[in-house]
Amino acid sequence: DDLDWDDEVRLLLEERNSFSPDALTGLEANCRYAGP
């Protein structure tokens, strides 16, 4: 809801920015393509 929105978005972006960019590249590329 509106009460939590700004904080939750900020926390998500801060958390993502704290991870290794290389590890994220592997995570994202492998999770995006399910199926054949």
PDB file of all heavy atoms in Angstrom:
ATOM      1  N   ASP A   1       0.844  -1.199   0.000  1.00  0.00           N
ATOM      2  CA  ASP A   1       0.000   0.000   0.000  1.00  0.00           C
ATOM      3  C   ASP A   1       0.877   1.246   0.000  1.00  0.00           C
ATOM      4  O   ASP A   1       2.114   1.164   0.068  1.00  0.00           O
ATOM      5  CB  ASP A   1      -0.957  -0.014   1.195  1.00  0.00           C
ATOM      6  CG  ASP A   1      -0.251  -0.033   2.549  1.00  0.00           C
ATOM      7  OD1 ASP A   1       0.943   0.361   2.616  1.00  0.00           O
ATOM      8  OD2 ASP A   1      -0.877  -0.439   3.537  1.00  0.00           O
ATOM      9  N   ASP A   2       0.231   2.387  -0.087  1.00  0.00           N
ATOM     10  CA  ASP A   2       0.957   3.647  -0.218  1.00  0.00           C
ATOM     11  C   ASP A   2       1.871   3.908   0.978  1.00  0.00           C
ATOM     12  O   ASP A   2       2.933   4.513   0.839  1.00  0.00           O
ATOM     13  CB  ASP A   2      -0.049   4.799  -0.387  1.00  0.00           C
ATOM     14  CG  ASP A   2       0.624   6.140  -0.533  1.00  0.00           C
ATOM     15  OD1 ASP A   2       1.529   6.261  -1.383  1.00  0.00           O
ATOM     16  OD2 ASP A   2       0.268   7.075   0.206  1.00  0.00           O
ATOM     17  N   LEU A   3       1.465   3.439   2.154  1.00  0.00           N
ATOM     18  CA  LEU A   3       2.251   3.684   3.361  1.00  0.00           C
ATOM     19  C   LEU A   3       3.634   3.040   3.278  1.00  0.00           C
ATOM     20  O   LEU A   3       4.632   3.607   3.742  1.00  0.00           O
ATOM     21  CB  LEU A   3       1.496   3.151   4.588  1.00  0.00           C
ATOM     22  CG  LEU A   3       2.097   3.455   5.961  1.00  0.00           C
ATOM     23  CD1 LEU A   3       2.124   4.958   6.201  1.00  0.00           C
ATOM     24  CD2 LEU A   3       1.309   2.754   7.057  1.00  0.00           C
ATOM     25  N   ASP A   4       3.710   1.870   2.677  1.00  0.00           N
ATOM     26  CA  ASP A   4       4.968   1.121   2.626  1.00  0.00           C
ATOM     27  C   ASP A   4       5.701   1.228   1.293  1.00  0.00           C
ATOM     28  O   ASP A   4       6.858   0.801   1.188  1.00  0.00           O
ATOM     29  CB  ASP A   4       4.709  -0.373   2.920  1.00  0.00           C
ATOM     30  CG  ASP A   4       4.178  -0.601   4.324  1.00  0.00           C
ATOM     31  OD1 ASP A   4       4.590   0.139   5.234  1.00  0.00           O
ATOM     32  OD2 ASP A   4       3.340  -1.509   4.500  1.00  0.00           O
ATOM     33  N   TRP A   5       5.029   1.752   0.282  1.00  0.00           N
ATOM     34  CA  TRP A   5       5.535   1.667  -1.091  1.00  0.00           C
ATOM     35  C   TRP A   5       6.939   2.230  -1.240  1.00  0.00           C
ATOM     36  O   TRP A   5       7.859   1.548  -1.710  1.00  0.00           O
ATOM     37  CB  TRP A   5       4.568   2.361  -2.031  1.00  0.00           C
ATOM     38  CG  TRP A   5       5.006   2.344  -3.462  1.00  0.00           C
ATOM     39  CD1 TRP A   5       5.595   3.354  -4.169  1.00  0.00           C
ATOM     40  CD2 TRP A   5       4.905   1.239  -4.376  1.00  0.00           C
ATOM     41  NE1 TRP A   5       5.855   2.957  -5.460  1.00  0.00           N
ATOM     42  CE2 TRP A   5       5.452   1.668  -5.618  1.00  0.00           C
ATOM     43  CE3 TRP A   5       4.416  -0.064  -4.271  1.00  0.00           C
ATOM     44  CZ2 TRP A   5       5.501   0.832  -6.734  1.00  0.00           C
ATOM     45  CZ3 TRP A   5       4.472  -0.888  -5.381  1.00  0.00           C
ATOM     46  CH2 TRP A   5       5.011  -0.446  -6.591  1.00  0.00           C
ATOM     47  N   ASP A   6       7.143   3.476  -0.887  1.00  0.00           N
ATOM     48  CA  ASP A   6       8.434   4.125  -1.130  1.00  0.00           C
ATOM     49  C   ASP A   6       9.576   3.401  -0.417  1.00  0.00           C
ATOM     50  O   ASP A   6      10.668   3.223  -0.980  1.00  0.00           O
ATOM     51  CB  ASP A   6       8.392   5.589  -0.687  1.00  0.00           C
ATOM     52  CG  ASP A   6       7.514   6.442  -1.600  1.00  0.00           C
ATOM     53  OD1 ASP A   6       7.269   6.022  -2.755  1.00  0.00           O
ATOM     54  OD2 ASP A   6       7.057   7.517  -1.158  1.00  0.00           O
ATOM     55  N   ASP A   7       9.331   2.966   0.825  1.00  0.00           N
ATOM     56  CA  ASP A   7      10.386   2.278   1.580  1.00  0.00           C
ATOM     57  C   ASP A   7      10.707   0.923   0.965  1.00  0.00           C
ATOM     58  O   ASP A   7      11.882   0.527   0.875  1.00  0.00           O
ATOM     59  CB  ASP A   7       9.962   2.089   3.039  1.00  0.00           C
ATOM     60  CG  ASP A   7      10.066   3.377   3.835  1.00  0.00           C
ATOM     61  OD1 ASP A   7      10.814   4.282   3.417  1.00  0.00           O
ATOM     62  OD2 ASP A   7       9.386   3.480   4.877  1.00  0.00           O
ATOM     63  N   GLU A   8       9.689   0.188   0.539  1.00  0.00           N
ATOM     64  CA  GLU A   8       9.917  -1.138  -0.030  1.00  0.00           C
ATOM     65  C   GLU A   8      10.674  -1.043  -1.354  1.00  0.00           C
ATOM     66  O   GLU A   8      11.571  -1.847  -1.627  1.00  0.00           O
ATOM     67  CB  GLU A   8       8.587  -1.876  -0.235  1.00  0.00           C
ATOM     68  CG  GLU A   8       7.879  -2.246   1.061  1.00  0.00           C
ATOM     69  CD  GLU A   8       8.642  -3.264   1.895  1.00  0.00           C
ATOM     70  OE1 GLU A   8       9.559  -3.923   1.352  1.00  0.00           O
ATOM     71  OE2 GLU A   8       8.325  -3.416   3.085  1.00  0.00           O
ATOM     72  N   VAL A   9      10.318  -0.057  -2.175  1.00  0.00           N
ATOM     73  CA  VAL A   9      11.027   0.127  -3.442  1.00  0.00           C
ATOM     74  C   VAL A   9      12.482   0.506  -3.176  1.00  0.00           C
ATOM     75  O   VAL A   9      13.414  -0.045  -3.792  1.00  0.00           O
ATOM     76  CB  VAL A   9      10.339   1.199  -4.306  1.00  0.00           C
ATOM     77  CG1 VAL A   9      11.197   1.552  -5.517  1.00  0.00           C
ATOM     78  CG2 VAL A   9       8.961   0.712  -4.751  1.00  0.00           C
ATOM     79  N   ARG A  10      12.691   1.422  -2.243  1.00  0.00           N
ATOM     80  CA  ARG A  10      14.060   1.851  -1.926  1.00  0.00           C
ATOM     81  C   ARG A  10      14.887   0.682  -1.409  1.00  0.00           C
ATOM     82  O   ARG A  10      16.044   0.491  -1.835  1.00  0.00           O
ATOM     83  CB  ARG A  10      14.019   2.973  -0.882  1.00  0.00           C
ATOM     84  CG  ARG A  10      15.412   3.414  -0.397  1.00  0.00           C
ATOM     85  CD  ARG A  10      15.299   4.498   0.659  1.00  0.00           C
ATOM     86  NE  ARG A  10      14.495   4.089   1.796  1.00  0.00           N
ATOM     87  CZ  ARG A  10      14.919   3.330   2.790  1.00  0.00           C
ATOM     88  NH1 ARG A  10      16.168   2.856   2.782  1.00  0.00           N
ATOM     89  NH2 ARG A  10      14.127   3.003   3.791  1.00  0.00           N
ATOM     90  N   LEU A  11      14.317  -0.116  -0.520  1.00  0.00           N
ATOM     91  CA  LEU A  11      15.054  -1.247   0.043  1.00  0.00           C
ATOM     92  C   LEU A  11      15.407  -2.272  -1.037  1.00  0.00           C
ATOM     93  O   LEU A  11      16.508  -2.843  -1.030  1.00  0.00           O
ATOM     94  CB  LEU A  11      14.236  -1.917   1.150  1.00  0.00           C
ATOM     95  CG  LEU A  11      14.100  -1.120   2.449  1.00  0.00           C
ATOM     96  CD1 LEU A  11      13.097  -1.788   3.378  1.00  0.00           C
ATOM     97  CD2 LEU A  11      15.455  -0.970   3.140  1.00  0.00           C
ATOM     98  N   LEU A  12      14.488  -2.499  -1.966  1.00  0.00           N
ATOM     99  CA  LEU A  12      14.769  -3.435  -3.053  1.00  0.00           C
ATOM    100  C   LEU A  12      15.941  -2.948  -3.898  1.00  0.00           C
ATOM    101  O   LEU A  12      16.866  -3.705  -4.203  1.00  0.00           O
ATOM    102  CB  LEU A  12      13.530  -3.600  -3.932  1.00  0.00           C
ATOM    103  CG  LEU A  12      13.734  -4.338  -5.262  1.00  0.00           C
ATOM    104  CD1 LEU A  12      14.278  -5.743  -5.039  1.00  0.00           C
ATOM    105  CD2 LEU A  12      12.426  -4.394  -6.050  1.00  0.00           C
ATOM    106  N   LEU A  13      15.932  -1.665  -4.242  1.00  0.00           N
ATOM    107  CA  LEU A  13      16.999  -1.136  -5.087  1.00  0.00           C
ATOM    108  C   LEU A  13      18.330  -1.087  -4.342  1.00  0.00           C
ATOM    109  O   LEU A  13      19.386  -1.366  -4.916  1.00  0.00           O
ATOM    110  CB  LEU A  13      16.618   0.259  -5.595  1.00  0.00           C
ATOM    111  CG  LEU A  13      15.344   0.329  -6.452  1.00  0.00           C
ATOM    112  CD1 LEU A  13      15.123   1.748  -6.960  1.00  0.00           C
ATOM    113  CD2 LEU A  13      15.409  -0.659  -7.613  1.00  0.00           C
ATOM    114  N   GLU A  14      18.293  -0.760  -3.056  1.00  0.00           N
ATOM    115  CA  GLU A  14      19.530  -0.749  -2.267  1.00  0.00           C
ATOM    116  C   GLU A  14      20.108  -2.156  -2.139  1.00  0.00           C
ATOM    117  O   GLU A  14      21.317  -2.355  -2.266  1.00  0.00           O
ATOM    118  CB  GLU A  14      19.258  -0.169  -0.878  1.00  0.00           C
ATOM    119  CG  GLU A  14      19.032   1.338  -0.871  1.00  0.00           C
ATOM    120  CD  GLU A  14      18.738   1.856   0.523  1.00  0.00           C
ATOM    121  OE1 GLU A  14      18.508   1.020   1.440  1.00  0.00           O
ATOM    122  OE2 GLU A  14      18.721   3.091   0.710  1.00  0.00           O
ATOM    123  N   GLU A  15      19.243  -3.122  -1.876  1.00  0.00           N
ATOM    124  CA  GLU A  15      19.709  -4.505  -1.737  1.00  0.00           C
ATOM    125  C   GLU A  15      20.329  -4.997  -3.040  1.00  0.00           C
ATOM    126  O   GLU A  15      21.411  -5.596  -3.040  1.00  0.00           O
ATOM    127  CB  GLU A  15      18.535  -5.409  -1.349  1.00  0.00           C
ATOM    128  CG  GLU A  15      18.921  -6.876  -1.216  1.00  0.00           C
ATOM    129  CD  GLU A  15      17.716  -7.771  -1.009  1.00  0.00           C
ATOM    130  OE1 GLU A  15      16.816  -7.762  -1.875  1.00  0.00           O
ATOM    131  OE2 GLU A  15      17.687  -8.480   0.006  1.00  0.00           O
ATOM    132  N   ARG A  16      19.648  -4.717  -4.148  1.00  0.00           N
ATOM    133  CA  ARG A  16      20.159  -5.183  -5.436  1.00  0.00           C
ATOM    134  C   ARG A  16      21.519  -4.564  -5.737  1.00  0.00           C
ATOM    135  O   ARG A  16      22.414  -5.219  -6.269  1.00  0.00           O
ATOM    136  CB  ARG A  16      19.152  -4.819  -6.531  1.00  0.00           C
ATOM    137  CG  ARG A  16      19.177  -5.751  -7.718  1.00  0.00           C
ATOM    138  CD  ARG A  16      18.625  -7.111  -7.359  1.00  0.00           C
ATOM    139  NE  ARG A  16      18.621  -8.004  -8.525  1.00  0.00           N
ATOM    140  CZ  ARG A  16      18.037  -9.193  -8.545  1.00  0.00           C
ATOM    141  NH1 ARG A  16      17.415  -9.646  -7.478  1.00  0.00           N
ATOM    142  NH2 ARG A  16      18.086  -9.944  -9.629  1.00  0.00           N
ATOM    143  N   ASN A  17      21.676  -3.302  -5.378  1.00  0.00           N
ATOM    144  CA  ASN A  17      22.912  -2.588  -5.651  1.00  0.00           C
ATOM    145  C   ASN A  17      24.065  -3.067  -4.775  1.00  0.00           C
ATOM    146  O   ASN A  17      25.231  -2.765  -5.043  1.00  0.00           O
ATOM    147  CB  ASN A  17      22.701  -1.088  -5.455  1.00  0.00           C
ATOM    148  CG  ASN A  17      23.794  -0.259  -6.081  1.00  0.00           C
ATOM    149  OD1 ASN A  17      24.244  -0.537  -7.188  1.00  0.00           O
ATOM    150  ND2 ASN A  17      24.245   0.769  -5.376  1.00  0.00           N
ATOM    151  N   SER A  18      23.755  -3.835  -3.740  1.00  0.00           N
ATOM    152  CA  SER A  18      24.804  -4.331  -2.838  1.00  0.00           C
ATOM    153  C   SER A  18      25.385  -5.658  -3.290  1.00  0.00           C
ATOM    154  O   SER A  18      26.423  -6.085  -2.795  1.00  0.00           O
ATOM    155  CB  SER A  18      24.248  -4.487  -1.421  1.00  0.00           C
ATOM    156  OG  SER A  18      23.345  -5.583  -1.332  1.00  0.00           O
ATOM    157  N   PHE A  19      24.721  -6.322  -4.242  1.00  0.00           N
ATOM    158  CA  PHE A  19      25.168  -7.636  -4.694  1.00  0.00           C
ATOM    159  C   PHE A  19      26.253  -7.517  -5.758  1.00  0.00           C
ATOM    160  O   PHE A  19      26.408  -6.489  -6.400  1.00  0.00           O
ATOM    161  CB  PHE A  19      23.999  -8.435  -5.270  1.00  0.00           C
ATOM    162  CG  PHE A  19      22.940  -8.802  -4.263  1.00  0.00           C
ATOM    163  CD1 PHE A  19      21.620  -8.933  -4.660  1.00  0.00           C
ATOM    164  CD2 PHE A  19      23.246  -9.019  -2.938  1.00  0.00           C
ATOM    165  CE1 PHE A  19      20.633  -9.271  -3.747  1.00  0.00           C
ATOM    166  CE2 PHE A  19      22.276  -9.358  -2.013  1.00  0.00           C
ATOM    167  CZ  PHE A  19      20.961  -9.483  -2.426  1.00  0.00           C
ATOM    168  N   SER A  20      26.989  -8.598  -5.956  1.00  0.00           N
ATOM    169  CA  SER A  20      27.987  -8.653  -7.008  1.00  0.00           C
ATOM    170  C   SER A  20      27.318  -8.557  -8.378  1.00  0.00           C
ATOM    171  O   SER A  20      26.426  -9.351  -8.691  1.00  0.00           O
ATOM    172  CB  SER A  20      28.776  -9.963  -6.938  1.00  0.00           C
ATOM    173  OG  SER A  20      29.470 -10.193  -8.151  1.00  0.00           O
ATOM    174  N   PRO A  21      27.718  -7.604  -9.214  1.00  0.00           N
ATOM    175  CA  PRO A  21      27.130  -7.505 -10.556  1.00  0.00           C
ATOM    176  C   PRO A  21      27.319  -8.779 -11.369  1.00  0.00           C
ATOM    177  O   PRO A  21      26.432  -9.167 -12.141  1.00  0.00           O
ATOM    178  CB  PRO A  21      27.879  -6.320 -11.181  1.00  0.00           C
ATOM    179  CG  PRO A  21      28.365  -5.514 -10.024  1.00  0.00           C
ATOM    180  CD  PRO A  21      28.670  -6.516  -8.946  1.00  0.00           C
ATOM    181  N   ASP A  22      28.466  -9.432 -11.230  1.00  0.00           N
ATOM    182  CA  ASP A  22      28.702 -10.652 -11.994  1.00  0.00           C
ATOM    183  C   ASP A  22      27.764 -11.773 -11.538  1.00  0.00           C
ATOM    184  O   ASP A  22      27.220 -12.520 -12.356  1.00  0.00           O
ATOM    185  CB  ASP A  22      30.151 -11.110 -11.831  1.00  0.00           C
ATOM    186  CG  ASP A  22      31.138 -10.092 -12.371  1.00  0.00           C
ATOM    187  OD1 ASP A  22      30.740  -9.308 -13.255  1.00  0.00           O
ATOM    188  OD2 ASP A  22      32.296 -10.071 -11.915  1.00  0.00           O
ATOM    189  N   ALA A  23      27.588 -11.915 -10.233  1.00  0.00           N
ATOM    190  CA  ALA A  23      26.686 -12.943  -9.725  1.00  0.00           C
ATOM    191  C   ALA A  23      25.252 -12.672 -10.184  1.00  0.00           C
ATOM    192  O   ALA A  23      24.512 -13.598 -10.538  1.00  0.00           O
ATOM    193  CB  ALA A  23      26.757 -12.998  -8.201  1.00  0.00           C
ATOM    194  N   LEU A  24      24.859 -11.388 -10.195  1.00  0.00           N
ATOM    195  CA  LEU A  24      23.514 -11.052 -10.665  1.00  0.00           C
ATOM    196  C   LEU A  24      23.336 -11.397 -12.139  1.00  0.00           C
ATOM    197  O   LEU A  24      22.269 -11.861 -12.551  1.00  0.00           O
ATOM    198  CB  LEU A  24      23.238  -9.561 -10.444  1.00  0.00           C
ATOM    199  CG  LEU A  24      22.992  -9.132  -8.998  1.00  0.00           C
ATOM    200  CD1 LEU A  24      22.849  -7.621  -8.916  1.00  0.00           C
ATOM    201  CD2 LEU A  24      21.747  -9.809  -8.438  1.00  0.00           C
ATOM    202  N   THR A  25      24.363 -11.180 -12.944  1.00  0.00           N
ATOM    203  CA  THR A  25      24.277 -11.524 -14.362  1.00  0.00           C
ATOM    204  C   THR A  25      23.965 -13.005 -14.539  1.00  0.00           C
ATOM    205  O   THR A  25      23.106 -13.393 -15.341  1.00  0.00           O
ATOM    206  CB  THR A  25      25.590 -11.165 -15.088  1.00  0.00           C
ATOM    207  OG1 THR A  25      25.755  -9.745 -15.091  1.00  0.00           O
ATOM    208  CG2 THR A  25      25.584 -11.665 -16.519  1.00  0.00           C
ATOM    209  N   GLY A  26      24.650 -13.851 -13.785  1.00  0.00           N
ATOM    210  CA  GLY A  26      24.385 -15.281 -13.861  1.00  0.00           C
ATOM    211  C   GLY A  26      22.999 -15.646 -13.362  1.00  0.00           C
ATOM    212  O   GLY A  26      22.285 -16.437 -13.980  1.00  0.00           O
ATOM    213  N   LEU A  27      22.600 -15.064 -12.244  1.00  0.00           N
ATOM    214  CA  LEU A  27      21.282 -15.324 -11.668  1.00  0.00           C
ATOM    215  C   LEU A  27      20.181 -14.948 -12.642  1.00  0.00           C
ATOM    216  O   LEU A  27      19.292 -15.746 -12.953  1.00  0.00           O
ATOM    217  CB  LEU A  27      21.126 -14.529 -10.377  1.00  0.00           C
ATOM    218  CG  LEU A  27      19.712 -14.440  -9.787  1.00  0.00           C
ATOM    219  CD1 LEU A  27      19.299 -15.764  -9.198  1.00  0.00           C
ATOM    220  CD2 LEU A  27      19.640 -13.345  -8.724  1.00  0.00           C
ATOM    221  N   GLU A  28      20.245 -13.721 -13.141  1.00  0.00           N
ATOM    222  CA  GLU A  28      19.160 -13.201 -13.972  1.00  0.00           C
ATOM    223  C   GLU A  28      19.036 -13.963 -15.285  1.00  0.00           C
ATOM    224  O   GLU A  28      17.943 -14.348 -15.699  1.00  0.00           O
ATOM    225  CB  GLU A  28      19.390 -11.708 -14.233  1.00  0.00           C
ATOM    226  CG  GLU A  28      19.289 -10.872 -12.976  1.00  0.00           C
ATOM    227  CD  GLU A  28      20.134  -9.608 -13.022  1.00  0.00           C
ATOM    228  OE1 GLU A  28      20.762  -9.343 -14.072  1.00  0.00           O
ATOM    229  OE2 GLU A  28      20.179  -8.886 -12.005  1.00  0.00           O
ATOM    230  N   ALA A  29      20.184 -14.189 -15.940  1.00  0.00           N
ATOM    231  CA  ALA A  29      20.138 -14.848 -17.240  1.00  0.00           C
ATOM    232  C   ALA A  29      19.585 -16.260 -17.127  1.00  0.00           C
ATOM    233  O   ALA A  29      18.852 -16.727 -17.998  1.00  0.00           O
ATOM    234  CB  ALA A  29      21.524 -14.866 -17.872  1.00  0.00           C
ATOM    235  N   ASN A  30      19.927 -16.955 -16.054  1.00  0.00           N
ATOM    236  CA  ASN A  30      19.470 -18.332 -15.916  1.00  0.00           C
ATOM    237  C   ASN A  30      18.028 -18.434 -15.444  1.00  0.00           C
ATOM    238  O   ASN A  30      17.335 -19.399 -15.755  1.00  0.00           O
ATOM    239  CB  ASN A  30      20.401 -19.098 -14.973  1.00  0.00           C
ATOM    240  CG  ASN A  30      21.677 -19.526 -15.654  1.00  0.00           C
ATOM    241  OD1 ASN A  30      21.693 -20.516 -16.364  1.00  0.00           O
ATOM    242  ND2 ASN A  30      22.740 -18.752 -15.491  1.00  0.00           N
ATOM    243  N   CYS A  31      17.549 -17.432 -14.690  1.00  0.00           N
ATOM    244  CA  CYS A  31      16.165 -17.479 -14.205  1.00  0.00           C
ATOM    245  C   CYS A  31      15.153 -17.007 -15.255  1.00  0.00           C
ATOM    246  O   CYS A  31      13.975 -17.333 -15.159  1.00  0.00           O
ATOM    247  CB  CYS A  31      16.012 -16.622 -12.948  1.00  0.00           C
ATOM    248  SG  CYS A  31      16.742 -17.344 -11.464  1.00  0.00           S
ATOM    249  N   ARG A  32      15.598 -16.241 -16.226  1.00  0.00           N
ATOM    250  CA  ARG A  32      14.635 -15.656 -17.169  1.00  0.00           C
ATOM    251  C   ARG A  32      14.089 -16.654 -18.171  1.00  0.00           C
ATOM    252  O   ARG A  32      13.052 -16.417 -18.768  1.00  0.00           O
ATOM    253  CB  ARG A  32      15.288 -14.483 -17.924  1.00  0.00           C
ATOM    254  CG  ARG A  32      15.384 -13.243 -17.056  1.00  0.00           C
ATOM    255  CD  ARG A  32      16.070 -12.096 -17.768  1.00  0.00           C
ATOM    256  NE  ARG A  32      16.416 -11.056 -16.797  1.00  0.00           N
ATOM    257  CZ  ARG A  32      17.177 -10.006 -17.051  1.00  0.00           C
ATOM    258  NH1 ARG A  32      17.692  -9.848 -18.262  1.00  0.00           N
ATOM    259  NH2 ARG A  32      17.440  -9.123 -16.117  1.00  0.00           N
ATOM    260  N   TYR A  33      14.808 -17.744 -18.413  1.00  0.00           N
ATOM    261  CA  TYR A  33      14.414 -18.647 -19.485  1.00  0.00           C
ATOM    262  C   TYR A  33      14.088 -20.022 -18.939  1.00  0.00           C
ATOM    263  O   TYR A  33      14.944 -20.898 -18.877  1.00  0.00           O
ATOM    264  CB  TYR A  33      15.525 -18.746 -20.532  1.00  0.00           C
ATOM    265  CG  TYR A  33      15.853 -17.418 -21.167  1.00  0.00           C
ATOM    266  CD1 TYR A  33      16.957 -16.681 -20.730  1.00  0.00           C
ATOM    267  CD2 TYR A  33      15.066 -16.900 -22.175  1.00  0.00           C
ATOM    268  CE1 TYR A  33      17.260 -15.458 -21.305  1.00  0.00           C
ATOM    269  CE2 TYR A  33      15.360 -15.678 -22.750  1.00  0.00           C
ATOM    270  CZ  TYR A  33      16.457 -14.960 -22.315  1.00  0.00           C
ATOM    271  OH  TYR A  33      16.751 -13.750 -22.883  1.00  0.00           O
ATOM    272  N   ALA A  34      12.844 -20.206 -18.551  1.00  0.00           N
ATOM    273  CA  ALA A  34      12.373 -21.544 -18.214  1.00  0.00           C
ATOM    274  C   ALA A  34      11.953 -22.235 -19.506  1.00  0.00           C
ATOM    275  O   ALA A  34      11.884 -21.624 -20.564  1.00  0.00           O
ATOM    276  CB  ALA A  34      11.200 -21.452 -17.253  1.00  0.00           C
ATOM    277  N   GLY A  35      11.674 -23.541 -19.403  1.00  0.00           N
ATOM    278  CA  GLY A  35      11.147 -24.230 -20.568  1.00  0.00           C
ATOM    279  C   GLY A  35      12.200 -24.766 -21.511  1.00  0.00           C
ATOM    280  O   GLY A  35      13.328 -25.071 -21.103  1.00  0.00           O
ATOM    281  N   PRO A  36      11.875 -24.875 -22.797  1.00  0.00           N
ATOM    282  CA  PRO A  36      12.772 -25.542 -23.755  1.00  0.00           C
ATOM    283  C   PRO A  36      14.102 -24.817 -23.896  1.00  0.00           C
ATOM    284  O   PRO A  36      14.164 -23.587 -23.868  1.00  0.00           O
ATOM    285  CB  PRO A  36      11.985 -25.473 -25.075  1.00  0.00           C
ATOM    286  CG  PRO A  36      10.576 -25.193 -24.690  1.00  0.00           C
ATOM    287  CD  PRO A  36      10.632 -24.416 -23.433  1.00  0.00           C
TER     288      PRO A  36
END
